[in-house]
């Protein structure tokens, strides 16, 4: 089963495409803390799912 990070639909609405590529990706956890993860989106997503409770991609 694929795990989806919240906020992806907002990203698509804002940017017109799904998140991808290399950059500084911001994720907000359930506690409200924003964490930036550098690198490819696919790797940042994996790291966010491991380390952040209920991550949401920030646009």
PDB file of N, CA and C in Angstrom:
ATOM      1  N   UNK A   1       0.840  -1.188   0.000  1.00  0.00           N
ATOM      2  CA  UNK A   1       0.000   0.000   0.000  1.00  0.00           C
ATOM      3  C   UNK A   1       0.881   1.246   0.000  1.00  0.00           C
ATOM      4  N   UNK A   2       0.598   2.188  -0.898  1.00  0.00           N
ATOM      5  CA  UNK A   2       1.352   3.442  -0.948  1.00  0.00           C
ATOM      6  C   UNK A   2       0.919   4.369   0.169  1.00  0.00           C
ATOM      7  N   UNK A   3       1.896   4.974   0.799  1.00  0.00           N
ATOM      8  CA  UNK A   3       1.583   5.978   1.811  1.00  0.00           C
ATOM      9  C   UNK A   3       1.644   7.343   1.145  1.00  0.00           C
ATOM     10  N   UNK A   4       0.612   8.130   1.328  1.00  0.00           N
ATOM     11  CA  UNK A   4       0.551   9.458   0.734  1.00  0.00           C
ATOM     12  C   UNK A   4       0.718  10.493   1.831  1.00  0.00           C
ATOM     13  N   UNK A   5       1.460  11.511   1.524  1.00  0.00           N
ATOM     14  CA  UNK A   5       1.661  12.604   2.471  1.00  0.00           C
ATOM     15  C   UNK A   5       0.601  13.657   2.212  1.00  0.00           C
ATOM     16  N   UNK A   6      -0.029  14.130   3.283  1.00  0.00           N
ATOM     17  CA  UNK A   6      -1.024  15.177   3.135  1.00  0.00           C
ATOM     18  C   UNK A   6      -0.414  16.433   2.515  1.00  0.00           C
ATOM     19  N   UNK A   7      -1.229  17.219   1.860  1.00  0.00           N
ATOM     20  CA  UNK A   7      -0.770  18.467   1.261  1.00  0.00           C
ATOM     21  C   UNK A   7      -0.392  18.338  -0.208  1.00  0.00           C
ATOM     22  N   UNK A   8      -0.331  17.108  -0.729  1.00  0.00           N
ATOM     23  CA  UNK A   8       0.052  16.911  -2.126  1.00  0.00           C
ATOM     24  C   UNK A   8      -0.991  17.534  -3.050  1.00  0.00           C
ATOM     25  N   UNK A   9      -2.283  17.382  -2.728  1.00  0.00           N
ATOM     26  CA  UNK A   9      -3.328  17.970  -3.569  1.00  0.00           C
ATOM     27  C   UNK A   9      -3.198  19.490  -3.620  1.00  0.00           C
ATOM     28  N   UNK A  10      -2.855  20.110  -2.513  1.00  0.00           N
ATOM     29  CA  UNK A  10      -2.642  21.567  -2.490  1.00  0.00           C
ATOM     30  C   UNK A  10      -1.454  21.937  -3.355  1.00  0.00           C
ATOM     31  N   UNK A  11      -0.396  21.133  -3.324  1.00  0.00           N
ATOM     32  CA  UNK A  11       0.788  21.374  -4.162  1.00  0.00           C
ATOM     33  C   UNK A  11       0.405  21.303  -5.635  1.00  0.00           C
ATOM     34  N   UNK A  12      -0.368  20.286  -6.012  1.00  0.00           N
ATOM     35  CA  UNK A  12      -0.799  20.128  -7.405  1.00  0.00           C
ATOM     36  C   UNK A  12      -1.654  21.320  -7.817  1.00  0.00           C
ATOM     37  N   UNK A  13      -2.560  21.763  -6.959  1.00  0.00           N
ATOM     38  CA  UNK A  13      -3.407  22.914  -7.259  1.00  0.00           C
ATOM     39  C   UNK A  13      -2.564  24.170  -7.459  1.00  0.00           C
ATOM     40  N   UNK A  14      -1.559  24.363  -6.615  1.00  0.00           N
ATOM     41  CA  UNK A  14      -0.727  25.563  -6.665  1.00  0.00           C
ATOM     42  C   UNK A  14       0.254  25.550  -7.835  1.00  0.00           C
ATOM     43  N   UNK A  15       0.906  24.405  -8.069  1.00  0.00           N
ATOM     44  CA  UNK A  15       1.989  24.329  -9.050  1.00  0.00           C
ATOM     45  C   UNK A  15       1.608  23.655 -10.365  1.00  0.00           C
ATOM     46  N   UNK A  16       0.455  23.009 -10.414  1.00  0.00           N
ATOM     47  CA  UNK A  16       0.004  22.375 -11.642  1.00  0.00           C
ATOM     48  C   UNK A  16       0.658  21.048 -11.959  1.00  0.00           C
ATOM     49  N   UNK A  17       1.392  20.491 -11.020  1.00  0.00           N
ATOM     50  CA  UNK A  17       2.041  19.190 -11.211  1.00  0.00           C
ATOM     51  C   UNK A  17       2.323  18.572  -9.849  1.00  0.00           C
ATOM     52  N   UNK A  18       2.591  17.275  -9.851  1.00  0.00           N
ATOM     53  CA  UNK A  18       2.924  16.590  -8.597  1.00  0.00           C
ATOM     54  C   UNK A  18       4.338  16.962  -8.168  1.00  0.00           C
ATOM     55  N   UNK A  19       4.632  16.948  -6.872  1.00  0.00           N
ATOM     56  CA  UNK A  19       5.981  17.280  -6.422  1.00  0.00           C
ATOM     57  C   UNK A  19       6.999  16.260  -6.909  1.00  0.00           C
ATOM     58  N   UNK A  20       8.138  16.750  -7.380  1.00  0.00           N
ATOM     59  CA  UNK A  20       9.211  15.865  -7.832  1.00  0.00           C
ATOM     60  C   UNK A  20      10.494  16.665  -7.931  1.00  0.00           C
ATOM     61  N   UNK A  21      11.589  15.950  -8.125  1.00  0.00           N
ATOM     62  CA  UNK A  21      12.869  16.616  -8.324  1.00  0.00           C
ATOM     63  C   UNK A  21      13.609  16.905  -7.036  1.00  0.00           C
ATOM     64  N   UNK A  22      14.678  17.662  -7.191  1.00  0.00           N
ATOM     65  CA  UNK A  22      15.578  17.967  -6.085  1.00  0.00           C
ATOM     66  C   UNK A  22      15.284  19.353  -5.539  1.00  0.00           C
ATOM     67  N   UNK A  23      15.371  19.494  -4.232  1.00  0.00           N
ATOM     68  CA  UNK A  23      15.130  20.783  -3.618  1.00  0.00           C
ATOM     69  C   UNK A  23      15.096  20.672  -2.110  1.00  0.00           C
ATOM     70  N   UNK A  24      14.637  21.734  -1.488  1.00  0.00           N
ATOM     71  CA  UNK A  24      14.427  21.766  -0.043  1.00  0.00           C
ATOM     72  C   UNK A  24      12.925  21.612   0.175  1.00  0.00           C
ATOM     73  N   UNK A  25      12.510  20.479   0.699  1.00  0.00           N
ATOM     74  CA  UNK A  25      11.101  20.163   0.884  1.00  0.00           C
ATOM     75  C   UNK A  25      10.706  20.408   2.328  1.00  0.00           C
ATOM     76  N   UNK A  26       9.590  21.091   2.546  1.00  0.00           N
ATOM     77  CA  UNK A  26       9.114  21.406   3.892  1.00  0.00           C
ATOM     78  C   UNK A  26       7.937  20.499   4.247  1.00  0.00           C
ATOM     79  N   UNK A  27       8.007  19.895   5.415  1.00  0.00           N
ATOM     80  CA  UNK A  27       6.944  19.034   5.913  1.00  0.00           C
ATOM     81  C   UNK A  27       6.545  19.519   7.297  1.00  0.00           C
ATOM     82  N   UNK A  28       5.242  19.552   7.561  1.00  0.00           N
ATOM     83  CA  UNK A  28       4.727  19.965   8.864  1.00  0.00           C
ATOM     84  C   UNK A  28       4.179  18.741   9.574  1.00  0.00           C
ATOM     85  N   UNK A  29       4.601  18.535  10.811  1.00  0.00           N
ATOM     86  CA  UNK A  29       4.161  17.386  11.584  1.00  0.00           C
ATOM     87  C   UNK A  29       2.908  17.674  12.380  1.00  0.00           C
ATOM     88  N   UNK A  30       2.393  16.655  13.050  1.00  0.00           N
ATOM     89  CA  UNK A  30       1.182  16.774  13.851  1.00  0.00           C
ATOM     90  C   UNK A  30       1.355  17.777  14.995  1.00  0.00           C
ATOM     91  N   UNK A  31       2.613  17.966  15.432  1.00  0.00           N
ATOM     92  CA  UNK A  31       2.884  18.901  16.521  1.00  0.00           C
ATOM     93  C   UNK A  31       2.996  20.344  16.041  1.00  0.00           C
ATOM     94  N   UNK A  32       2.875  20.574  14.709  1.00  0.00           N
ATOM     95  CA  UNK A  32       2.944  21.916  14.153  1.00  0.00           C
ATOM     96  C   UNK A  32       4.342  22.365  13.759  1.00  0.00           C
ATOM     97  N   UNK A  33       5.344  21.549  14.072  1.00  0.00           N
ATOM     98  CA  UNK A  33       6.727  21.890  13.758  1.00  0.00           C
ATOM     99  C   UNK A  33       7.003  21.637  12.270  1.00  0.00           C
ATOM    100  N   UNK A  34       7.651  22.595  11.599  1.00  0.00           N
ATOM    101  CA  UNK A  34       8.004  22.455  10.190  1.00  0.00           C
ATOM    102  C   UNK A  34       9.445  21.988  10.085  1.00  0.00           C
ATOM    103  N   UNK A  35       9.660  20.945   9.284  1.00  0.00           N
ATOM    104  CA  UNK A  35      10.979  20.364   9.074  1.00  0.00           C
ATOM    105  C   UNK A  35      11.320  20.428   7.590  1.00  0.00           C
ATOM    106  N   UNK A  36      12.521  20.919   7.277  1.00  0.00           N
ATOM    107  CA  UNK A  36      12.994  20.970   5.901  1.00  0.00           C
ATOM    108  C   UNK A  36      13.915  19.778   5.648  1.00  0.00           C
ATOM    109  N   UNK A  37      13.695  19.102   4.529  1.00  0.00           N
ATOM    110  CA  UNK A  37      14.523  17.968   4.134  1.00  0.00           C
ATOM    111  C   UNK A  37      15.034  18.249   2.731  1.00  0.00           C
ATOM    112  N   UNK A  38      16.346  18.252   2.561  1.00  0.00           N
ATOM    113  CA  UNK A  38      16.965  18.523   1.266  1.00  0.00           C
ATOM    114  C   UNK A  38      17.152  17.237   0.483  1.00  0.00           C
ATOM    115  N   UNK A  39      17.034  17.346  -0.845  1.00  0.00           N
ATOM    116  CA  UNK A  39      17.271  16.205  -1.724  1.00  0.00           C
ATOM    117  C   UNK A  39      16.103  15.953  -2.647  1.00  0.00           C
ATOM    118  N   UNK A  40      16.087  14.763  -3.233  1.00  0.00           N
ATOM    119  CA  UNK A  40      14.995  14.375  -4.111  1.00  0.00           C
ATOM    120  C   UNK A  40      13.700  14.236  -3.323  1.00  0.00           C
ATOM    121  N   UNK A  41      12.575  14.614  -3.942  1.00  0.00           N
ATOM    122  CA  UNK A  41      11.296  14.519  -3.244  1.00  0.00           C
ATOM    123  C   UNK A  41      11.018  13.102  -2.769  1.00  0.00           C
ATOM    124  N   UNK A  42      11.308  12.114  -3.615  1.00  0.00           N
ATOM    125  CA  UNK A  42      11.020  10.722  -3.244  1.00  0.00           C
ATOM    126  C   UNK A  42      11.774  10.312  -1.981  1.00  0.00           C
ATOM    127  N   UNK A  43      13.035  10.737  -1.860  1.00  0.00           N
ATOM    128  CA  UNK A  43      13.830  10.413  -0.665  1.00  0.00           C
ATOM    129  C   UNK A  43      13.373  11.235   0.540  1.00  0.00           C
ATOM    130  N   UNK A  44      13.037  12.508   0.308  1.00  0.00           N
ATOM    131  CA  UNK A  44      12.554  13.364   1.396  1.00  0.00           C
ATOM    132  C   UNK A  44      11.244  12.829   1.956  1.00  0.00           C
ATOM    133  N   UNK A  45      10.377  12.341   1.079  1.00  0.00           N
ATOM    134  CA  UNK A  45       9.096  11.774   1.504  1.00  0.00           C
ATOM    135  C   UNK A  45       9.320  10.547   2.383  1.00  0.00           C
ATOM    136  N   UNK A  46      10.234   9.662   1.959  1.00  0.00           N
ATOM    137  CA  UNK A  46      10.543   8.471   2.748  1.00  0.00           C
ATOM    138  C   UNK A  46      11.051   8.851   4.136  1.00  0.00           C
ATOM    139  N   UNK A  47      11.954   9.828   4.180  1.00  0.00           N
ATOM    140  CA  UNK A  47      12.510  10.263   5.456  1.00  0.00           C
ATOM    141  C   UNK A  47      11.428  10.905   6.327  1.00  0.00           C
ATOM    142  N   UNK A  48      10.562  11.694   5.715  1.00  0.00           N
ATOM    143  CA  UNK A  48       9.481  12.343   6.471  1.00  0.00           C
ATOM    144  C   UNK A  48       8.540  11.307   7.067  1.00  0.00           C
ATOM    145  N   UNK A  49       8.203  10.282   6.301  1.00  0.00           N
ATOM    146  CA  UNK A  49       7.306   9.240   6.810  1.00  0.00           C
ATOM    147  C   UNK A  49       7.931   8.482   7.977  1.00  0.00           C
ATOM    148  N   UNK A  50       9.267   8.364   7.988  1.00  0.00           N
ATOM    149  CA  UNK A  50       9.953   7.661   9.070  1.00  0.00           C
ATOM    150  C   UNK A  50      10.085   8.512  10.329  1.00  0.00           C
ATOM    151  N   UNK A  51      10.279   9.830  10.147  1.00  0.00           N
ATOM    152  CA  UNK A  51      10.664  10.663  11.291  1.00  0.00           C
ATOM    153  C   UNK A  51       9.602  11.658  11.782  1.00  0.00           C
ATOM    154  N   UNK A  52       8.575  11.939  10.976  1.00  0.00           N
ATOM    155  CA  UNK A  52       7.581  12.951  11.349  1.00  0.00           C
ATOM    156  C   UNK A  52       6.234  12.286  11.493  1.00  0.00           C
ATOM    157  N   UNK A  53       5.536  12.596  12.583  1.00  0.00           N
ATOM    158  CA  UNK A  53       4.199  12.038  12.800  1.00  0.00           C
ATOM    159  C   UNK A  53       3.184  12.822  11.968  1.00  0.00           C
ATOM    160  N   UNK A  54       2.445  12.108  11.103  1.00  0.00           N
ATOM    161  CA  UNK A  54       1.430  12.706  10.220  1.00  0.00           C
ATOM    162  C   UNK A  54       1.975  13.869   9.402  1.00  0.00           C
ATOM    163  N   UNK A  55       2.994  13.628   8.548  1.00  0.00           N
ATOM    164  CA  UNK A  55       3.594  14.721   7.789  1.00  0.00           C
ATOM    165  C   UNK A  55       2.657  15.304   6.732  1.00  0.00           C
ATOM    166  N   UNK A  56       2.740  16.621   6.540  1.00  0.00           N
ATOM    167  CA  UNK A  56       1.989  17.338   5.521  1.00  0.00           C
ATOM    168  C   UNK A  56       2.976  18.168   4.732  1.00  0.00           C
ATOM    169  N   UNK A  57       2.983  18.032   3.396  1.00  0.00           N
ATOM    170  CA  UNK A  57       3.853  18.807   2.531  1.00  0.00           C
ATOM    171  C   UNK A  57       3.392  20.253   2.548  1.00  0.00           C
ATOM    172  N   UNK A  58       4.307  21.171   2.816  1.00  0.00           N
ATOM    173  CA  UNK A  58       3.977  22.593   2.842  1.00  0.00           C
ATOM    174  C   UNK A  58       4.259  23.223   1.485  1.00  0.00           C
ATOM    175  N   UNK A  59       3.339  24.043   1.000  1.00  0.00           N
ATOM    176  CA  UNK A  59       3.529  24.706  -0.295  1.00  0.00           C
ATOM    177  C   UNK A  59       3.884  26.150  -0.115  1.00  0.00           C
TER     178      UNK A  59
END
